[in-house]
Protein backbone atom coordinates (compact mmCIF):
# COMPACT_ATOMS: atom_id res chain seq x y z
CA MET A 1 -0.13 -0.05 0.11
CA THR A 2 1.43 3.43 -1.03
CA PRO A 3 1.53 5.78 2.12
CA LYS A 4 -0.53 8.75 2.29
CA THR A 5 1.62 12.02 2.17
CA ASP A 6 -1.01 14.50 2.82
CA SER A 7 -4.18 15.27 4.34
CA LEU A 8 -7.62 14.61 3.22
CA ASP A 9 -8.71 18.25 2.53
CA ASP A 10 -5.23 18.43 0.79
CA PHE A 11 -6.13 15.44 -1.09
CA PHE A 12 -9.48 16.97 -2.39
CA GLN A 13 -8.31 20.07 -3.14
CA ARG A 14 -5.33 18.85 -5.49
CA ASN A 15 -7.48 16.38 -7.05
CA ARG A 16 -10.55 18.27 -7.68
CA ALA A 17 -8.54 20.73 -9.36
CA GLN A 18 -6.82 18.13 -11.53
CA ILE A 19 -10.14 16.38 -12.49
CA ASP A 20 -11.89 19.82 -13.17
CA GLN A 21 -9.04 20.75 -15.45
CA ALA A 22 -9.20 17.28 -17.27
CA LEU A 23 -13.15 17.69 -17.65
CA ALA A 24 -12.63 21.02 -18.88
CA ASN A 25 -10.11 20.15 -21.61
CA LEU A 26 -12.56 17.13 -22.61
CA LEU A 27 -15.71 18.78 -22.99
CA PRO A 28 -16.77 20.69 -26.14
CA ASN A 29 -16.17 24.28 -26.55
CA PRO A 30 -19.42 26.49 -26.83
CA GLU A 31 -19.17 27.48 -30.61
CA GLY A 32 -20.73 26.89 -33.88
CA PRO A 33 -24.18 25.55 -34.79
CA LYS A 34 -23.81 23.29 -31.48
CA ALA A 35 -22.91 26.28 -29.15
CA ARG A 36 -25.98 26.08 -27.16
CA LEU A 37 -25.75 22.09 -26.55
CA ASN A 38 -22.08 22.63 -25.71
CA GLU A 39 -22.40 25.46 -23.47
CA ALA A 40 -25.23 23.12 -21.61
CA MET A 41 -22.75 20.24 -21.14
CA ARG A 42 -20.10 22.47 -19.72
CA TYR A 43 -22.87 24.09 -17.19
CA CYS A 44 -23.91 20.30 -16.24
CA VAL A 45 -20.41 19.04 -15.32
CA LEU A 46 -18.32 22.15 -14.16
CA ASN A 47 -20.92 23.75 -12.07
CA GLY A 48 -19.39 22.16 -8.66
CA GLY A 49 -19.97 18.64 -7.28
CA LYS A 50 -17.94 16.81 -4.57
CA ARG A 51 -16.39 14.36 -7.44
CA VAL A 52 -16.70 11.60 -4.90
CA ARG A 53 -16.72 8.84 -7.71
CA PRO A 54 -13.31 10.01 -9.42
CA LEU A 55 -11.54 10.74 -5.91
CA LEU A 56 -12.48 6.95 -5.05
CA LEU A 57 -11.00 5.95 -8.28
CA LEU A 58 -7.88 8.17 -7.58
CA ALA A 59 -7.76 6.97 -4.10
CA THR A 60 -7.93 3.23 -4.80
CA THR A 61 -5.22 3.92 -7.40
CA GLU A 62 -3.13 5.67 -4.67
CA ALA A 63 -3.38 2.93 -2.30
CA LEU A 64 -2.29 0.04 -5.00
CA GLY A 65 0.84 1.96 -5.76
CA GLY A 66 -0.31 3.02 -9.07
CA ASP A 67 0.05 6.09 -10.79
CA PRO A 68 -2.67 8.87 -10.39
CA GLN A 69 -2.03 10.67 -13.75
CA GLN A 70 -2.74 7.27 -15.35
CA ALA A 71 -6.19 7.35 -13.72
CA LEU A 72 -7.45 10.64 -15.05
CA PRO A 73 -9.17 9.62 -18.07
CA ALA A 74 -11.19 7.08 -15.93
CA CYS A 75 -11.63 9.67 -13.44
CA CYS A 76 -13.53 11.88 -16.19
CA ALA A 77 -15.12 8.98 -17.47
CA VAL A 78 -17.05 7.98 -14.21
CA GLU A 79 -18.12 11.75 -13.46
CA LEU A 80 -19.37 12.40 -17.10
CA ILE A 81 -21.72 9.44 -16.34
CA HIS A 82 -22.46 10.47 -13.22
CA ALA A 83 -23.31 14.15 -14.69
CA TYR A 84 -25.59 12.57 -17.27
CA SER A 85 -27.78 10.67 -14.67
CA LEU A 86 -28.14 13.98 -12.71
CA VAL A 87 -29.36 15.69 -16.02
CA HIS A 88 -31.88 12.71 -16.80
CA ASP A 89 -32.93 12.37 -13.08
CA ASP A 90 -33.91 15.89 -12.84
CA LEU A 91 -36.00 15.87 -16.18
CA PRO A 92 -39.95 16.34 -15.31
CA ALA A 93 -40.43 12.63 -16.80
CA MET A 94 -38.32 11.31 -14.08
CA ASP A 95 -37.80 13.52 -10.40
CA ASP A 96 -39.06 16.75 -11.95
CA ASP A 97 -36.52 18.99 -9.95
CA SER A 98 -35.70 22.19 -10.56
CA LEU A 99 -32.27 22.69 -8.34
CA ARG A 100 -29.08 20.55 -8.68
CA ARG A 101 -26.16 21.95 -6.80
CA GLY A 102 -27.45 25.21 -5.98
CA LYS A 103 -28.32 26.33 -9.52
CA PRO A 104 -31.06 25.58 -11.90
CA THR A 105 -31.25 22.30 -13.47
CA CYS A 106 -30.46 21.78 -16.99
CA HIS A 107 -34.00 21.65 -18.61
CA ILE A 108 -34.92 24.98 -16.37
CA ALA A 109 -31.68 26.68 -17.56
CA TYR A 110 -31.82 25.74 -21.11
CA ASP A 111 -34.74 23.29 -22.04
CA GLU A 112 -35.94 19.77 -21.93
CA ALA A 113 -34.78 18.79 -25.39
CA THR A 114 -31.19 20.22 -24.69
CA ALA A 115 -31.11 18.39 -21.62
CA ILE A 116 -31.85 15.15 -22.94
CA LEU A 117 -29.32 15.78 -25.38
CA VAL A 118 -26.54 16.95 -23.10
CA GLY A 119 -27.34 13.47 -20.93
CA ASP A 120 -26.64 11.67 -24.30
CA GLY A 121 -23.50 13.55 -25.16
CA LEU A 122 -22.14 13.08 -21.94
CA GLN A 123 -22.89 9.55 -21.81
CA THR A 124 -21.04 8.75 -25.27
CA LEU A 125 -18.30 11.05 -24.19
CA ALA A 126 -17.44 9.01 -21.13
CA PHE A 127 -16.54 6.20 -23.15
CA SER A 128 -14.34 8.26 -25.25
CA ALA A 129 -12.41 9.67 -22.49
CA LEU A 130 -11.98 5.97 -21.17
CA THR A 131 -10.24 4.63 -24.61
CA GLU A 132 -8.03 7.94 -24.44
CA PRO A 133 -4.22 6.82 -24.58
CA SER A 134 -3.40 6.63 -20.48
CA GLY A 135 -0.71 3.69 -20.53
CA ALA A 136 -2.97 1.11 -19.63
CA SER A 137 -2.94 -1.90 -21.75
CA ALA A 138 -5.75 -2.62 -24.59
CA GLU A 139 -6.75 -5.79 -22.23
CA SER A 140 -6.94 -3.50 -19.26
CA MET A 141 -8.90 -0.76 -21.22
CA LEU A 142 -11.32 -3.24 -22.52
CA GLN A 143 -12.01 -4.70 -19.04
CA MET A 144 -12.56 -0.70 -18.11
CA VAL A 145 -14.96 -0.16 -20.90
CA ARG A 146 -16.99 -3.55 -19.93
CA GLU A 147 -16.90 -2.52 -16.25
CA LEU A 148 -18.33 0.96 -16.82
CA ALA A 149 -21.12 -0.23 -19.36
CA ARG A 150 -22.40 -2.65 -16.93
CA ALA A 151 -22.57 -0.39 -14.05
CA SER A 152 -24.20 2.39 -16.41
CA GLY A 153 -26.80 0.38 -18.13
CA HIS A 154 -29.86 -1.75 -17.34
CA LEU A 155 -27.80 -3.99 -14.91
CA GLY A 156 -26.97 -1.14 -12.85
CA MET A 157 -27.51 2.62 -12.93
CA VAL A 158 -30.48 2.54 -15.39
CA GLY A 159 -32.00 -0.53 -14.01
CA GLY A 160 -31.69 0.74 -10.60
CA GLN A 161 -33.52 4.14 -11.52
CA ALA A 162 -36.23 2.08 -13.16
CA ILE A 163 -36.88 0.11 -10.18
CA ASP A 164 -36.89 3.71 -8.25
CA ILE A 165 -39.43 5.19 -10.63
CA TYR A 166 -41.85 2.01 -10.43
CA SER A 167 -41.81 1.81 -6.64
CA GLU A 168 -43.16 5.21 -5.83
CA GLY A 169 -46.34 4.89 -3.91
CA HIS A 170 -45.33 1.46 -2.84
CA THR A 171 -43.38 -0.02 0.38
CA LEU A 172 -40.35 -2.22 -0.48
CA LYS A 173 -38.67 -4.66 1.81
CA LEU A 174 -35.19 -3.98 2.92
CA GLU A 175 -33.44 -6.41 0.93
CA GLU A 176 -35.44 -4.81 -2.08
CA LEU A 177 -34.59 -1.33 -1.47
CA GLU A 178 -30.86 -2.31 -0.76
CA ARG A 179 -30.98 -4.05 -4.40
CA MET A 180 -32.36 -0.60 -6.02
CA HIS A 181 -29.63 1.19 -4.43
CA LEU A 182 -27.02 -1.49 -5.12
CA GLU A 183 -27.85 -0.67 -8.60
CA LYS A 184 -28.86 3.04 -8.89
CA THR A 185 -26.01 4.43 -6.59
CA GLY A 186 -23.97 1.94 -5.79
CA ALA A 187 -23.01 0.32 -9.20
CA LEU A 188 -21.10 3.57 -10.41
CA ILE A 189 -19.25 3.62 -6.95
CA GLU A 190 -18.39 0.16 -7.20
CA ALA A 191 -17.34 0.86 -11.16
CA SER A 192 -15.12 3.43 -9.88
CA ILE A 193 -13.12 1.58 -7.01
CA VAL A 194 -12.95 -1.47 -9.86
CA LEU A 195 -11.73 0.99 -12.51
CA GLY A 196 -9.08 2.49 -10.13
CA ALA A 197 -7.69 -0.96 -9.41
CA LEU A 198 -7.32 -1.48 -13.00
CA SER A 199 -5.79 1.69 -13.63
CA SER A 200 -3.08 0.76 -10.93
CA GLY A 201 -2.28 -2.59 -13.14
CA ARG A 202 -3.87 -4.66 -10.31
CA SER A 203 -6.70 -7.41 -11.53
CA ASP A 204 -5.92 -10.22 -9.90
CA ALA A 205 -9.38 -11.59 -8.64
CA GLU A 206 -8.68 -11.64 -5.15
CA THR A 207 -8.30 -7.98 -5.16
CA ILE A 208 -11.07 -6.73 -7.36
CA GLU A 209 -13.47 -9.24 -5.27
CA GLY A 210 -12.41 -7.80 -2.01
CA LEU A 211 -12.88 -3.99 -3.53
CA ARG A 212 -16.29 -4.75 -4.76
CA ARG A 213 -17.27 -6.02 -1.21
CA PHE A 214 -15.96 -2.76 -0.12
CA ALA A 215 -17.39 -0.67 -2.77
CA GLN A 216 -21.14 -2.49 -2.04
CA ALA A 217 -21.10 -1.64 1.48
CA ILE A 218 -19.91 1.95 1.42
CA GLY A 219 -22.01 2.56 -1.65
CA LEU A 220 -25.25 1.72 0.31
CA ALA A 221 -23.75 3.55 3.42
CA PHE A 222 -23.70 6.52 1.02
CA GLN A 223 -27.07 6.38 -0.02
CA VAL A 224 -28.57 5.70 3.49
CA ARG A 225 -26.77 8.92 4.25
CA ASP A 226 -28.16 10.72 1.67
CA ASP A 227 -31.68 9.69 2.80
CA ILE A 228 -30.96 11.17 6.25
CA ILE A 229 -29.61 14.40 4.92
CA ASP A 230 -32.61 14.92 2.80
CA VAL A 231 -34.82 14.49 6.15
CA GLU A 232 -32.07 16.46 8.18
CA SER A 233 -30.70 19.60 5.91
CA ASP A 234 -32.65 22.04 4.01
CA THR A 235 -32.65 23.07 0.52
CA SER A 236 -30.21 25.86 1.08
CA VAL A 237 -27.44 23.74 2.48
CA LEU A 238 -28.27 20.58 0.38
CA GLY A 239 -28.05 22.70 -3.08
CA LYS A 240 -31.17 20.62 -4.19
CA THR A 241 -34.73 20.57 -3.42
CA ALA A 242 -34.95 18.80 0.38
CA GLY A 243 -37.94 16.62 1.17
CA LYS A 244 -38.69 15.61 -2.35
CA ASP A 245 -38.50 11.94 -1.87
CA ALA A 246 -41.24 12.26 1.03
CA GLU A 247 -42.92 14.36 -1.39
CA ARG A 248 -43.42 11.96 -4.25
CA ASN A 249 -43.87 8.81 -1.58
CA LYS A 250 -40.61 7.38 -2.69
CA PRO A 251 -39.37 4.40 -0.53
CA THR A 252 -36.06 5.52 1.44
CA TYR A 253 -33.90 4.12 4.40
CA THR A 254 -35.62 6.50 6.62
CA SER A 255 -39.38 5.92 5.68
CA LEU A 256 -38.70 2.37 5.71
CA LEU A 257 -36.32 2.12 9.19
CA GLY A 258 -37.00 5.51 10.71
CA LEU A 259 -34.18 8.32 11.10
CA GLU A 260 -32.31 6.75 13.89
CA GLN A 261 -32.43 3.24 12.74
CA ALA A 262 -31.28 4.43 9.46
CA LYS A 263 -28.33 5.93 11.19
CA LEU A 264 -27.43 2.70 12.79
CA LYS A 265 -27.79 1.13 9.32
CA ALA A 266 -25.23 3.52 8.04
CA ARG A 267 -22.88 3.06 10.71
CA GLN A 268 -23.10 -1.06 10.47
CA LEU A 269 -22.42 -0.61 6.50
CA TYR A 270 -19.15 1.71 7.39
CA GLU A 271 -18.16 -1.16 9.67
CA GLU A 272 -18.17 -3.58 6.93
CA ALA A 273 -16.62 -1.47 4.41
CA LEU A 274 -13.62 -0.94 6.63
CA ALA A 275 -13.68 -4.94 7.53
CA GLN A 276 -13.11 -5.13 3.66
CA LEU A 277 -10.31 -2.79 3.51
CA GLN A 278 -8.38 -4.49 6.56
CA ALA A 279 -8.72 -7.90 5.03
CA LEU A 280 -6.94 -6.40 1.92
CA GLY A 281 -4.24 -4.81 4.10
CA LEU A 282 -5.87 -1.11 3.05
CA GLN A 283 -6.64 -0.17 6.40
CA ASN A 284 -5.70 3.32 7.06
CA SER A 285 -5.54 4.26 3.28
CA ARG A 286 -7.08 7.01 1.54
CA LEU A 287 -9.93 4.62 0.82
CA GLN A 288 -10.71 4.49 4.59
CA ASP A 289 -10.71 8.48 4.82
CA LEU A 290 -13.09 8.71 1.93
CA ALA A 291 -15.34 6.23 3.57
CA SER A 292 -15.40 8.26 6.61
CA PHE A 293 -16.45 11.34 4.69
CA MET A 294 -19.14 9.69 2.58
CA ILE A 295 -20.98 8.96 6.20
CA GLU A 296 -20.22 11.78 7.94
CA ARG A 297 -20.93 14.68 5.16
CA THR A 298 -23.83 17.03 5.78
CA HIS A 299 -24.77 17.76 2.16
């Protein structure tokens, strides 16, 4: 394991700046006949955000002794997929939200047709980014494309979103709620961590499987914490409309378990994640710091 050389705040600041610059370089400039589309793509990606997924990817690469610079294309890819999912998630036909990261959502700032095209453009740009020369072998690059495609599609994020839509107004069992979020939220978090391992050159089955178990636990903990924040926070802090899930009668951990039991569930999942890191010999790594951040965040 590569030892940490700076604080978590320094890690955030340094790597967010790198990721944002890489994204800015990758996104199209707002000029020519597609200026409106290109401007909207930049608006939706470069408008803040915690960059949790690419930071998890970099932390995994770092923990396994890889070169973070080689991981930047994969960082861009996972963040572009995440940004596309938010644009489509906010559409009137989906969650119908008007605020994202404290700013008007894409279809409000522009229009619905542009927002749909922005999502389509960001999704395909993600896979283009993933195949940019980075020092990775062709075999490793193919593994990364396959991993991100699975996590983004009907077996992952899109499938989980479908379950979320169809379950509005219904009560789900705990295992059904977990399955939904393992796909909707957890799949892209899992892919980010696996891509971090692949970017470092590690693809042995034992390491990948251990990292998957860590990712699944911390991905669920992240979602439980999201549900808690939605109850405890307000719109000005959250940067998006607070209480939206309750308003739409969507199943959440807080509605199913209650607030205090949801907090206990998040802590249990965090402990499971730490146990997986210890089994991999990655305790006290940057991944542990990020896991703590993910369940202690307030927005």
